[in-house]
Amino acid sequence: MARLIFITGGVVSSLGKGLASAALGALLQARGYTVRLRKLDPYLNVDPGTMSPYQHGEVYVTDDGAETDLDLGHYERFTGVASSKSDNVTAGRIYQEIIAKERRGGYLGSTIQVIPHVTDAIKEFVMAGHGDVDFLLCEIGGTVGDIEGLPFFEAIRQLGNELGPERAAYVHLTLVPYITSAGELKTKPTQHSVKELRGIGIQPDILLCRSDKEIPVDDRRKIALFCNVKTERVIQALHLDTIYDAPARYHAEGFDTQVLNVFGIKDAPPPDLTRWRDVVARFTKPEGEVKIAIVGKYMQVKDSYKSLIEALHHGGLANNVRVNIQWMESEVFEKNDAAVYLEEMNGILVPGGFGERGTEGKISAVTFARTKQVPFFGICFGMQMAVIEAARNLAHLQGAGSTEFAKNKSEVPRHPVIALMTEWVRGNQVEKRASDVDMGGTMRLGAYDAILTPGSRVAEIYGSNTISERHRHRYEVNINYREQLEQKGLVFSGLSPDGLLPEIVEIPDHPWFIGVQFHPELKSKPLDPHPLFASFVSAAVQQSRLV
């Protein structure tokens, strides 16, 4: 039966619980154990699908179509274990299911209360469907003391009692700040955080202490004394040059060893970290550098593009170069010539997004990449902008645009090369969508197959004529414009199996010009870079040699 490890956080948010959980999962894997990771989010949204990128960052999508927290991306990148709908739950989803059950009469007249009904629902989620893995790691979002998180902390407290110390352990991540004016580290925030955690009945087994400075042994002894843990279980988590150094560094600090000790496991084989050390060596000692411009609209919050950033770095690892990302707000190109900003770039990437703001700037970036022969990668919305650009400037379809931006019928573009498709096939089933339904969960979500044109550039990159990639979008490229666009050089090299939905476009006589309707960044990993990103960065390397 699986042993459960609960990872909580204190003091402040954004300390890196997701990264710590993922790195611990990778370490346990490196010792030969099987793992699964889950995220419990206390906020009241049913899922992050309708949340602003400025507030929540990236929405990570699983194969089975769940819109989840970005930490699940960390889990997959570090462990290679594909996440699913069962691996991320929010308070909103818990309450939604409880209320639906109550409306059906499922509680037989009981008064519905946080304890036991809400906490029981959380426990059922934690324990359901994790299979026969050796370790199940559960990260609790937010920080201890958050009012919305109390039912989740109570649920994992109950689970600890029910499972016993042989099957449940608690890891608490805290901050040990360095106060410059005092010239010393302060342990009091950690002490107060653990006091808060113990006040709700949870005694942490291991403390993971984030700090910018080395934590002296005396300070660790002090933390251990006040927090009722062993000194060797106060683990320092220092700043890393690359997040992929986390498994090796955490192992050096004894993190995984102490986790196993908590469970009484003394004879575990040492972890094989060879591949992780190779990744770090490639990252820290590259043979060259390329400049890639990301022309987007959520520049203020880089977590909006978390998987994209990592996938580009993975492409760099595949080519043994450092990818120097240049962030460019697309609206700038609506006021100034794109050449001023893009002429020194070795590659241009236009990522996903929603809404009309900044679209003309993205189209200008596409025009620059196409006409100046700079490698171009359009992802989801970025592919749609490439199609609009080709329709306007290659096929000369005046008024080409997207129906997404039409507030009413009078504003529908003359040539709707991007439109809302209301029906498509997934496997053996027809899926339908209406324009007047709820926003959440109504996009084309999750893994879909695509058929690639034999001999096309993308077929060569993938080494296959059939692929499966993850989607998250409402609008599609209008297949009715395929012939007109292909006559002008924009080839539809990937289609859905029924031939109705364009999945990939490319320009064959360009150094590298590819647009994809899906999100390949969601499947890229440091130990297995996505072929499109590896190829794109390779093209950027070739471009850098021409500049």
Protein backbone atom coordinates (compact mmCIF):
# COMPACT_ATOMS: atom_id res chain seq x y z
CA MET A 1 0.00 0.00 0.00
CA ALA A 2 1.14 3.53 -0.76
CA ARG A 3 2.84 5.65 1.84
CA LEU A 4 1.56 9.25 1.88
CA ILE A 5 3.73 12.36 2.14
CA PHE A 6 1.91 15.64 2.77
CA ILE A 7 3.79 18.81 1.78
CA THR A 8 2.58 22.03 3.41
CA GLY A 9 3.90 25.59 3.39
CA GLY A 10 4.17 28.47 5.81
CA VAL A 11 5.23 32.10 6.26
CA VAL A 12 4.67 33.22 2.66
CA SER A 13 3.47 31.70 -0.59
CA SER A 14 5.63 31.01 -3.66
CA LEU A 15 8.41 29.36 -1.68
CA GLY A 16 8.45 26.41 -4.05
CA LYS A 17 6.29 23.65 -2.58
CA GLY A 18 5.54 22.38 -6.07
CA LEU A 19 9.21 22.23 -6.99
CA ALA A 20 10.09 20.57 -3.66
CA SER A 21 7.35 17.98 -4.18
CA ALA A 22 8.47 17.28 -7.74
CA ALA A 23 12.14 17.01 -6.76
CA LEU A 24 11.32 14.62 -3.91
CA GLY A 25 9.28 12.53 -6.34
CA ALA A 26 12.25 12.41 -8.71
CA LEU A 27 14.57 11.38 -5.88
CA LEU A 28 12.31 8.55 -4.79
CA GLN A 29 12.10 7.41 -8.40
CA ALA A 30 15.89 7.51 -8.66
CA ARG A 31 15.96 5.05 -5.75
CA GLY A 32 13.67 2.68 -7.63
CA TYR A 33 10.32 3.58 -6.08
CA THR A 34 7.11 4.42 -7.94
CA VAL A 35 5.41 7.73 -7.17
CA ARG A 36 2.33 9.81 -7.89
CA LEU A 37 1.83 13.49 -7.03
CA ARG A 38 -1.34 15.42 -6.25
CA LYS A 39 -2.24 19.04 -5.54
CA LEU A 40 -4.98 20.18 -3.15
CA ASP A 41 -5.91 23.83 -3.81
CA PRO A 42 -8.04 25.63 -1.20
CA TYR A 43 -9.40 28.39 -3.45
CA LEU A 44 -13.11 28.38 -4.34
CA ASN A 45 -12.75 28.28 -8.14
CA VAL A 46 -13.78 24.89 -9.50
CA ASP A 47 -10.53 24.88 -11.48
CA PRO A 48 -8.08 27.56 -12.67
CA GLY A 49 -9.54 27.53 -16.20
CA THR A 50 -11.34 30.88 -15.84
CA MET A 51 -8.70 32.56 -13.68
CA SER A 52 -6.64 35.47 -14.96
CA PRO A 53 -3.03 34.65 -15.89
CA TYR A 54 -2.07 37.73 -13.89
CA GLN A 55 -3.43 36.14 -10.70
CA HIS A 56 -2.79 32.45 -11.19
CA GLY A 57 -0.20 32.07 -13.90
CA GLU A 58 -0.31 29.18 -16.34
CA VAL A 59 -3.19 26.73 -16.59
CA TYR A 60 -1.67 23.29 -17.02
CA VAL A 61 -3.72 20.82 -19.09
CA THR A 62 -3.62 17.05 -18.71
CA ASP A 63 -4.20 14.37 -21.34
CA ASP A 64 -7.72 13.76 -20.05
CA GLY A 65 -8.65 17.42 -20.38
CA ALA A 66 -8.33 18.76 -16.84
CA GLU A 67 -7.40 22.42 -16.39
CA THR A 68 -5.07 22.31 -13.41
CA ASP A 69 -2.54 24.17 -11.33
CA LEU A 70 0.87 24.86 -12.88
CA ASP A 71 2.56 22.74 -10.21
CA LEU A 72 1.32 19.65 -12.03
CA GLY A 73 3.67 20.72 -14.80
CA HIS A 74 6.55 20.49 -12.33
CA TYR A 75 5.36 17.03 -11.30
CA GLU A 76 5.32 15.75 -14.87
CA ARG A 77 8.60 17.37 -15.89
CA PHE A 78 10.47 15.89 -12.94
CA THR A 79 8.89 12.43 -12.73
CA GLY A 80 7.53 11.76 -16.21
CA VAL A 81 4.31 10.47 -14.62
CA ALA A 82 1.33 11.79 -16.60
CA SER A 83 -1.12 13.70 -14.39
CA SER A 84 -4.90 13.44 -14.69
CA LYS A 85 -8.12 14.97 -13.39
CA SER A 86 -7.69 12.91 -10.24
CA ASP A 87 -4.47 14.72 -9.35
CA ASN A 88 -5.75 18.25 -8.73
CA VAL A 89 -8.77 19.32 -6.71
CA THR A 90 -9.95 22.67 -5.41
CA ALA A 91 -12.24 23.66 -2.57
CA GLY A 92 -14.65 24.86 -5.23
CA ARG A 93 -14.84 21.42 -6.82
CA ILE A 94 -15.21 19.74 -3.42
CA TYR A 95 -18.08 22.02 -2.44
CA GLN A 96 -19.67 21.72 -5.88
CA GLU A 97 -19.78 17.94 -5.61
CA ILE A 98 -21.07 18.03 -2.03
CA ILE A 99 -23.88 20.45 -2.89
CA ALA A 100 -24.83 18.41 -5.96
CA LYS A 101 -25.00 15.28 -3.81
CA GLU A 102 -27.08 17.10 -1.18
CA ARG A 103 -29.54 18.30 -3.85
CA ARG A 104 -29.98 14.69 -4.98
CA GLY A 105 -30.78 13.68 -1.41
CA GLY A 106 -27.54 11.77 -1.12
CA TYR A 107 -26.98 12.64 2.54
CA LEU A 108 -30.35 11.24 3.68
CA GLY A 109 -31.41 14.41 5.46
CA SER A 110 -28.16 15.04 7.34
CA THR A 111 -27.02 18.57 8.14
CA ILE A 112 -24.05 19.18 5.84
CA GLN A 113 -21.00 20.38 7.78
CA VAL A 114 -17.31 20.98 7.18
CA ILE A 115 -16.58 18.11 9.55
CA PRO A 116 -17.23 15.37 8.58
CA HIS A 117 -18.67 15.96 5.10
CA VAL A 118 -16.12 18.34 3.56
CA THR A 119 -13.14 16.67 5.19
CA ASP A 120 -14.42 13.23 4.19
CA ALA A 121 -14.73 14.38 0.57
CA ILE A 122 -11.14 15.66 0.64
CA LYS A 123 -9.90 12.40 2.12
CA GLU A 124 -11.76 10.41 -0.52
CA PHE A 125 -10.07 12.47 -3.22
CA VAL A 126 -6.62 11.92 -1.71
CA MET A 127 -7.06 8.18 -1.36
CA ALA A 128 -8.86 7.43 -4.63
CA GLY A 129 -7.23 5.81 -7.64
CA HIS A 130 -3.54 6.14 -6.87
CA GLY A 131 -3.02 2.53 -7.86
CA ASP A 132 -0.20 0.51 -6.39
CA VAL A 133 2.49 3.22 -6.25
CA ASP A 134 4.99 3.14 -3.42
CA PHE A 135 4.61 6.83 -2.50
CA LEU A 136 1.76 9.30 -2.97
CA LEU A 137 2.89 12.92 -2.52
CA CYS A 138 0.14 15.47 -1.76
CA GLU A 139 0.91 19.17 -1.87
CA ILE A 140 -1.51 21.53 -0.08
CA GLY A 141 -1.71 24.92 -1.74
CA GLY A 142 -1.47 28.22 0.12
CA THR A 143 0.05 28.59 3.57
CA VAL A 144 -0.85 27.29 7.00
CA GLY A 145 -3.27 29.71 8.66
CA ASP A 146 -5.19 30.58 5.48
CA ILE A 147 -8.86 30.42 6.42
CA GLU A 148 -9.89 28.62 3.23
CA GLY A 149 -7.21 25.99 3.79
CA LEU A 150 -8.41 24.84 7.22
CA PRO A 151 -10.63 21.97 5.93
CA PHE A 152 -7.68 20.62 3.93
CA PHE A 153 -5.31 20.72 6.90
CA GLU A 154 -7.96 19.05 9.04
CA ALA A 155 -8.43 16.35 6.40
CA ILE A 156 -4.75 15.49 6.20
CA ARG A 157 -4.54 15.57 10.01
CA GLN A 158 -7.30 12.97 10.14
CA LEU A 159 -5.58 10.89 7.47
CA GLY A 160 -2.37 10.93 9.48
CA ASN A 161 -4.22 9.51 12.48
CA GLU A 162 -6.06 6.92 10.40
CA LEU A 163 -3.02 5.70 8.49
CA GLY A 164 -0.54 5.89 11.33
CA PRO A 165 3.13 6.95 11.26
CA GLU A 166 4.04 3.91 9.15
CA ARG A 167 2.08 5.29 6.19
CA ALA A 168 1.88 9.07 6.63
CA ALA A 169 4.53 11.78 6.93
CA TYR A 170 4.43 15.58 6.94
CA VAL A 171 6.96 17.88 5.27
CA HIS A 172 6.61 21.61 6.03
CA LEU A 173 8.30 24.22 3.83
CA THR A 174 9.12 27.54 5.52
CA LEU A 175 11.22 30.66 5.05
CA VAL A 176 14.38 31.54 6.96
CA PRO A 177 14.95 35.13 5.83
CA TYR A 178 18.23 37.00 5.94
CA ILE A 179 17.84 40.48 7.42
CA THR A 180 20.49 42.66 5.83
CA SER A 181 20.38 45.42 8.43
CA ALA A 182 20.90 42.88 11.22
CA GLY A 183 23.35 40.81 9.23
CA GLU A 184 21.77 37.54 10.32
CA LEU A 185 19.23 34.87 9.50
CA LYS A 186 15.96 34.87 11.41
CA THR A 187 14.36 31.61 12.54
CA LYS A 188 11.31 33.15 14.20
CA PRO A 189 9.07 33.02 11.07
CA THR A 190 9.69 29.27 10.86
CA GLN A 191 8.97 28.83 14.56
CA HIS A 192 5.66 30.68 14.28
CA SER A 193 4.66 28.77 11.15
CA VAL A 194 5.25 25.42 12.84
CA LYS A 195 3.43 26.65 15.94
CA GLU A 196 0.44 27.44 13.71
CA LEU A 197 0.64 23.98 12.12
CA ARG A 198 0.90 22.24 15.47
CA GLY A 199 -2.04 24.31 16.70
CA ILE A 200 -4.30 22.49 14.22
CA GLY A 201 -2.93 19.12 15.23
CA ILE A 202 -0.13 18.46 12.73
CA GLN A 203 3.41 17.86 13.90
CA PRO A 204 5.79 18.10 10.93
CA ASP A 205 8.29 15.30 10.56
CA ILE A 206 10.65 17.27 8.33
CA LEU A 207 11.23 21.00 7.88
CA LEU A 208 12.44 22.25 4.52
CA CYS A 209 13.85 25.73 5.09
CA ARG A 210 14.15 28.12 2.13
CA SER A 211 16.98 30.60 2.47
CA ASP A 212 19.30 32.72 0.37
CA LYS A 213 22.11 32.10 2.84
CA GLU A 214 23.64 28.96 4.28
CA ILE A 215 21.83 28.08 7.52
CA PRO A 216 24.41 27.44 10.25
CA VAL A 217 24.17 24.24 12.27
CA ASP A 218 23.43 26.23 15.43
CA ASP A 219 20.42 27.84 13.75
CA ARG A 220 19.21 24.45 12.58
CA ARG A 221 19.54 23.10 16.12
CA LYS A 222 17.53 26.08 17.37
CA ILE A 223 14.79 25.45 14.81
CA ALA A 224 14.75 21.76 15.69
CA LEU A 225 14.48 22.52 19.42
CA PHE A 226 11.59 24.97 19.11
CA CYS A 227 9.76 22.97 16.43
CA ASN A 228 10.09 19.53 18.04
CA VAL A 229 11.93 17.82 15.17
CA LYS A 230 15.33 16.16 14.93
CA THR A 231 18.20 18.43 13.87
CA GLU A 232 19.03 16.23 10.87
CA ARG A 233 15.45 16.70 9.69
CA VAL A 234 15.83 20.45 9.39
CA ILE A 235 16.82 20.57 5.72
CA GLN A 236 18.08 23.74 4.09
CA ALA A 237 16.80 24.60 0.62
CA LEU A 238 19.14 27.19 -0.86
CA HIS A 239 18.92 29.19 -4.08
CA LEU A 240 19.68 27.14 -7.22
CA ASP A 241 21.10 28.25 -10.56
CA THR A 242 18.64 25.90 -12.23
CA ILE A 243 15.60 24.15 -10.78
CA TYR A 244 16.87 20.90 -12.27
CA ASP A 245 19.65 20.89 -9.71
CA ALA A 246 17.02 20.39 -6.99
CA PRO A 247 17.11 16.55 -6.92
CA ALA A 248 20.91 16.41 -6.50
CA ARG A 249 21.05 19.30 -4.03
CA TYR A 250 18.18 18.01 -1.91
CA HIS A 251 19.80 14.59 -1.82
CA ALA A 252 23.09 16.14 -0.71
CA GLU A 253 21.18 17.81 2.14
CA GLY A 254 19.66 14.47 3.15
CA PHE A 255 16.06 15.27 2.23
CA ASP A 256 15.10 11.94 0.66
CA THR A 257 17.13 9.98 3.22
CA GLN A 258 15.25 11.60 6.11
CA VAL A 259 11.89 11.01 4.40
CA LEU A 260 12.69 7.32 4.18
CA ASN A 261 13.89 7.34 7.80
CA VAL A 262 10.53 8.73 8.90
CA PHE A 263 8.94 5.60 7.43
CA GLY A 264 11.59 3.36 8.96
CA ILE A 265 13.10 2.47 5.60
CA LYS A 266 16.82 1.94 6.19
CA ASP A 267 17.92 -0.30 3.33
CA ALA A 268 16.86 1.76 0.31
CA PRO A 269 19.28 1.76 -2.63
CA PRO A 270 21.12 5.04 -3.28
CA PRO A 271 19.58 7.25 -5.99
CA ASP A 272 21.02 7.22 -9.49
CA LEU A 273 21.25 10.94 -10.30
CA THR A 274 23.50 10.63 -13.34
CA ARG A 275 20.95 11.99 -15.82
CA TRP A 276 20.03 14.92 -13.56
CA ARG A 277 23.69 15.85 -13.13
CA ASP A 278 24.10 15.72 -16.91
CA VAL A 279 21.15 18.13 -17.29
CA VAL A 280 22.71 20.54 -14.79
CA ALA A 281 26.10 20.36 -16.54
CA ARG A 282 24.49 21.15 -19.90
CA PHE A 283 22.53 24.01 -18.37
CA THR A 284 25.44 25.62 -16.53
CA LYS A 285 28.14 25.01 -19.16
CA PRO A 286 26.53 25.41 -22.59
CA GLU A 287 28.54 25.62 -25.80
CA GLY A 288 26.68 28.67 -27.07
CA GLU A 289 23.66 30.92 -26.74
CA VAL A 290 20.64 31.88 -28.83
CA LYS A 291 18.19 34.74 -28.41
CA ILE A 292 14.53 33.79 -28.64
CA ALA A 293 11.85 36.51 -28.54
CA ILE A 294 8.55 35.60 -26.88
CA VAL A 295 5.99 38.05 -28.22
CA GLY A 296 3.07 37.80 -25.80
CA LYS A 297 0.54 39.74 -23.77
CA TYR A 298 1.02 38.54 -20.18
CA MET A 299 4.58 39.74 -19.75
CA GLN A 300 4.10 41.01 -16.20
CA VAL A 301 3.64 37.49 -14.84
CA LYS A 302 6.21 35.10 -16.28
CA ASP A 303 4.44 32.15 -14.61
CA SER A 304 1.78 32.63 -17.32
CA TYR A 305 4.28 30.94 -19.62
CA LYS A 306 5.90 28.54 -17.13
CA SER A 307 5.82 25.39 -19.27
CA LEU A 308 6.82 27.39 -22.34
CA ILE A 309 9.89 28.77 -20.58
CA GLU A 310 10.94 25.32 -19.44
CA ALA A 311 10.32 23.77 -22.88
CA LEU A 312 12.59 26.37 -24.50
CA HIS A 313 15.29 25.56 -21.97
CA HIS A 314 14.79 21.87 -22.76
CA GLY A 315 15.30 22.71 -26.44
CA GLY A 316 18.52 24.41 -25.39
CA LEU A 317 19.60 21.30 -23.48
CA ALA A 318 18.98 19.19 -26.59
CA ASN A 319 21.33 21.48 -28.54
CA ASN A 320 23.76 22.18 -25.70
CA VAL A 321 23.10 25.93 -25.85
CA ARG A 322 21.65 28.47 -23.46
CA VAL A 323 18.32 29.96 -24.55
CA ASN A 324 18.28 33.67 -23.72
CA ILE A 325 14.58 34.57 -23.65
CA GLN A 326 13.72 38.12 -24.66
CA TRP A 327 10.27 39.12 -23.38
CA MET A 328 8.39 41.47 -25.70
CA GLU A 329 4.95 42.93 -25.14
CA SER A 330 3.02 42.53 -28.39
CA GLU A 331 1.25 45.88 -28.05
CA VAL A 332 4.60 47.63 -28.51
CA PHE A 333 4.66 46.46 -32.14
CA GLU A 334 1.38 48.25 -32.77
CA LYS A 335 3.14 51.55 -32.13
CA ASN A 336 6.65 50.86 -33.43
CA ASP A 337 8.33 48.94 -36.24
CA ALA A 338 8.86 45.32 -35.15
CA ALA A 339 12.32 45.35 -36.78
CA VAL A 340 13.61 47.69 -34.08
CA TYR A 341 13.09 44.94 -31.49
CA LEU A 342 13.40 41.72 -33.48
CA GLU A 343 16.32 42.23 -35.85
CA GLU A 344 18.86 40.70 -33.44
CA MET A 345 16.69 37.70 -32.55
CA ASN A 346 17.62 34.16 -33.61
CA GLY A 347 14.06 32.94 -33.26
CA ILE A 348 10.57 34.35 -32.66
CA LEU A 349 7.84 32.59 -30.72
CA VAL A 350 4.24 33.78 -30.46
CA PRO A 351 2.50 31.87 -27.64
CA GLY A 352 -1.12 31.19 -26.71
CA GLY A 353 -3.54 33.75 -25.35
CA PHE A 354 -7.10 34.98 -25.39
CA GLY A 355 -8.78 38.18 -26.53
CA GLU A 356 -8.10 40.88 -29.09
CA ARG A 357 -5.61 43.00 -27.14
CA GLY A 358 -2.16 42.88 -28.71
CA THR A 359 -3.16 40.78 -31.70
CA GLU A 360 -2.02 43.23 -34.36
CA GLY A 361 1.37 43.38 -32.67
CA LYS A 362 1.62 39.60 -32.79
CA ILE A 363 0.70 39.66 -36.48
CA SER A 364 3.48 42.20 -37.08
CA ALA A 365 5.93 39.84 -35.38
CA VAL A 366 4.78 37.02 -37.68
CA THR A 367 5.28 39.25 -40.73
CA PHE A 368 8.82 40.07 -39.62
CA ALA A 369 9.69 36.40 -39.05
CA ARG A 370 8.23 35.33 -42.39
CA THR A 371 9.76 38.06 -44.54
CA LYS A 372 13.14 38.19 -42.80
CA GLN A 373 13.56 34.39 -42.78
CA VAL A 374 13.83 34.19 -38.98
CA PRO A 375 12.76 30.89 -37.39
CA PHE A 376 9.15 31.23 -36.22
CA PHE A 377 7.10 29.12 -33.82
CA GLY A 378 3.41 29.90 -33.33
CA ILE A 379 1.61 28.07 -30.54
CA CYS A 380 -2.21 27.88 -30.35
CA PHE A 381 -3.23 31.55 -30.62
CA GLY A 382 0.19 32.16 -32.18
CA MET A 383 -0.66 29.74 -34.99
CA GLN A 384 -3.95 31.56 -35.54
CA MET A 385 -2.12 34.87 -35.84
CA ALA A 386 0.19 33.26 -38.43
CA VAL A 387 -2.84 32.13 -40.44
CA ILE A 388 -4.40 35.62 -40.30
CA GLU A 389 -1.06 37.13 -41.40
CA ALA A 390 -0.82 34.75 -44.34
CA ALA A 391 -4.43 35.36 -45.32
CA ARG A 392 -3.89 39.11 -45.37
CA ASN A 393 -0.40 39.37 -46.82
CA LEU A 394 0.02 36.24 -48.96
CA ALA A 395 -3.53 35.43 -50.08
CA HIS A 396 -4.56 39.12 -50.02
CA LEU A 397 -7.87 38.39 -48.31
CA GLN A 398 -8.75 41.86 -47.09
CA GLY A 399 -10.55 41.83 -43.77
CA ALA A 400 -9.22 38.41 -42.76
CA GLY A 401 -9.56 37.92 -39.03
CA SER A 402 -11.08 35.93 -36.17
CA THR A 403 -14.70 35.75 -35.07
CA GLU A 404 -13.38 35.68 -31.49
CA PHE A 405 -13.04 39.46 -31.64
CA ALA A 406 -16.53 40.12 -33.03
CA LYS A 407 -18.79 41.53 -30.32
CA ASN A 408 -21.84 41.14 -32.58
CA LYS A 409 -22.77 39.86 -36.04
CA SER A 410 -22.00 43.19 -37.70
CA GLU A 411 -18.37 42.89 -36.62
CA VAL A 412 -17.76 39.42 -38.03
CA PRO A 413 -14.70 39.67 -40.33
CA ARG A 414 -15.21 39.47 -44.07
CA HIS A 415 -12.91 36.45 -44.18
CA PRO A 416 -13.25 34.53 -40.86
CA VAL A 417 -10.11 32.43 -41.23
CA ILE A 418 -10.36 31.79 -37.47
CA ALA A 419 -13.81 30.76 -36.25
CA LEU A 420 -15.71 28.93 -33.50
CA MET A 421 -16.12 25.33 -34.60
CA THR A 422 -19.18 23.78 -32.98
CA GLU A 423 -18.54 20.10 -33.63
CA TRP A 424 -15.58 17.75 -33.93
CA VAL A 425 -14.66 14.10 -33.48
CA ARG A 426 -12.62 12.75 -30.58
CA GLY A 427 -11.83 9.09 -30.95
CA ASN A 428 -15.16 7.47 -31.81
CA GLN A 429 -17.31 10.23 -30.32
CA VAL A 430 -18.67 13.50 -31.64
CA GLU A 431 -18.10 16.46 -29.29
CA LYS A 432 -20.15 19.64 -29.56
CA ARG A 433 -19.77 23.17 -28.28
CA ALA A 434 -22.07 26.19 -28.19
CA SER A 435 -21.09 29.84 -27.96
CA ASP A 436 -23.51 30.63 -25.12
CA VAL A 437 -22.37 28.13 -22.49
CA ASP A 438 -20.28 28.63 -19.35
CA MET A 439 -16.66 29.56 -19.96
CA GLY A 440 -15.11 26.99 -17.65
CA GLY A 441 -14.28 23.59 -19.12
CA THR A 442 -15.91 24.29 -22.51
CA MET A 443 -12.83 24.52 -24.71
CA ARG A 444 -11.24 21.76 -26.76
CA LEU A 445 -9.23 20.35 -23.89
CA GLY A 446 -6.74 17.54 -23.48
CA ALA A 447 -5.06 15.10 -25.82
CA TYR A 448 -6.18 14.82 -29.45
CA ASP A 449 -4.62 12.89 -32.31
CA ALA A 450 -3.37 14.58 -35.46
CA ILE A 451 -2.39 13.13 -38.84
CA LEU A 452 0.74 14.65 -40.40
CA THR A 453 1.42 14.97 -44.10
CA PRO A 454 4.11 12.44 -45.10
CA GLY A 455 7.32 14.21 -46.07
CA SER A 456 6.37 17.45 -44.32
CA ARG A 457 8.81 19.18 -41.99
CA VAL A 458 6.73 18.33 -38.90
CA ALA A 459 6.52 14.66 -39.91
CA GLU A 460 10.30 14.65 -40.20
CA ILE A 461 10.68 16.35 -36.80
CA TYR A 462 8.34 13.92 -35.04
CA GLY A 463 9.55 10.90 -36.97
CA SER A 464 5.93 9.83 -37.32
CA ASN A 465 2.79 10.63 -39.29
CA THR A 466 0.50 10.29 -36.26
CA ILE A 467 0.88 12.31 -33.05
CA SER A 468 -1.08 13.11 -29.90
CA GLU A 469 -0.85 16.54 -28.29
CA ARG A 470 -2.72 18.55 -25.66
CA HIS A 471 -5.12 21.36 -26.55
CA ARG A 472 -6.72 24.32 -24.77
CA HIS A 473 -8.67 26.67 -27.03
CA ARG A 474 -12.14 27.54 -28.30
CA TYR A 475 -11.48 28.85 -31.79
CA GLU A 476 -10.06 26.94 -34.74
CA VAL A 477 -8.47 27.65 -38.10
CA ASN A 478 -11.25 27.60 -40.71
CA ILE A 479 -10.61 24.61 -42.97
CA ASN A 480 -12.58 26.30 -45.77
CA TYR A 481 -9.60 28.59 -46.46
CA ARG A 482 -7.10 25.76 -46.81
CA GLU A 483 -6.87 25.75 -50.62
CA GLN A 484 -6.45 29.53 -50.92
CA LEU A 485 -3.72 29.61 -48.28
CA GLU A 486 -1.84 26.56 -49.57
CA GLN A 487 -1.73 28.06 -53.04
CA LYS A 488 0.23 30.96 -51.51
CA GLY A 489 2.68 28.80 -49.58
CA LEU A 490 1.11 28.18 -46.14
CA VAL A 491 0.76 24.40 -46.02
CA PHE A 492 -1.69 22.62 -43.71
CA SER A 493 0.67 19.79 -42.73
CA GLY A 494 -1.33 18.42 -39.79
CA LEU A 495 -5.06 17.77 -39.52
CA SER A 496 -7.43 16.09 -37.08
CA PRO A 497 -8.19 12.46 -38.04
CA ASP A 498 -11.53 13.51 -39.59
CA GLY A 499 -9.76 16.17 -41.70
CA LEU A 500 -11.90 19.02 -40.38
CA LEU A 501 -9.61 20.75 -37.88
CA PRO A 502 -6.21 22.16 -38.94
CA GLU A 503 -3.61 21.26 -36.33
CA ILE A 504 -0.34 22.39 -37.93
CA VAL A 505 0.68 24.87 -40.63
CA GLU A 506 4.15 25.41 -42.07
CA ILE A 507 5.97 27.24 -44.83
CA PRO A 508 8.24 24.69 -46.56
CA ASP A 509 10.62 27.17 -48.20
CA HIS A 510 11.28 29.06 -44.96
CA PRO A 511 14.24 28.18 -42.67
CA TRP A 512 11.76 27.18 -39.94
CA PHE A 513 8.15 28.41 -39.88
CA ILE A 514 5.67 26.24 -37.98
CA GLY A 515 2.40 26.97 -36.24
CA VAL A 516 0.59 24.42 -34.06
CA GLN A 517 -2.93 24.58 -32.63
CA PHE A 518 -1.93 22.55 -29.56
CA HIS A 519 0.45 23.19 -26.67
CA PRO A 520 3.59 21.05 -27.15
CA GLU A 521 5.27 22.74 -24.18
CA LEU A 522 3.00 20.75 -21.84
CA LYS A 523 4.73 17.49 -22.75
CA SER A 524 8.35 18.63 -22.78
CA LYS A 525 10.71 17.36 -20.07
CA PRO A 526 14.38 18.05 -19.24
CA LEU A 527 15.20 14.36 -19.69
CA ASP A 528 13.08 14.18 -22.86
CA PRO A 529 12.87 17.54 -24.69
CA HIS A 530 9.90 17.94 -27.02
CA PRO A 531 11.02 17.42 -30.65
CA LEU A 532 9.43 20.68 -31.85
CA PHE A 533 11.34 22.75 -29.30
CA ALA A 534 14.57 20.87 -29.95
CA SER A 535 14.17 21.51 -33.69
CA PHE A 536 13.16 25.16 -33.22
CA VAL A 537 16.21 25.90 -31.06
CA SER A 538 18.40 24.04 -33.55
CA ALA A 539 17.09 26.35 -36.29
CA ALA A 540 17.81 29.33 -34.04
CA VAL A 541 21.38 28.07 -33.61
CA GLN A 542 21.76 27.99 -37.41
CA GLN A 543 20.28 31.49 -37.61
CA SER A 544 22.76 32.77 -35.01
CA ARG A 545 25.63 31.63 -37.23
CA LEU A 546 24.25 33.68 -40.12
CA VAL A 547 23.93 36.92 -38.16
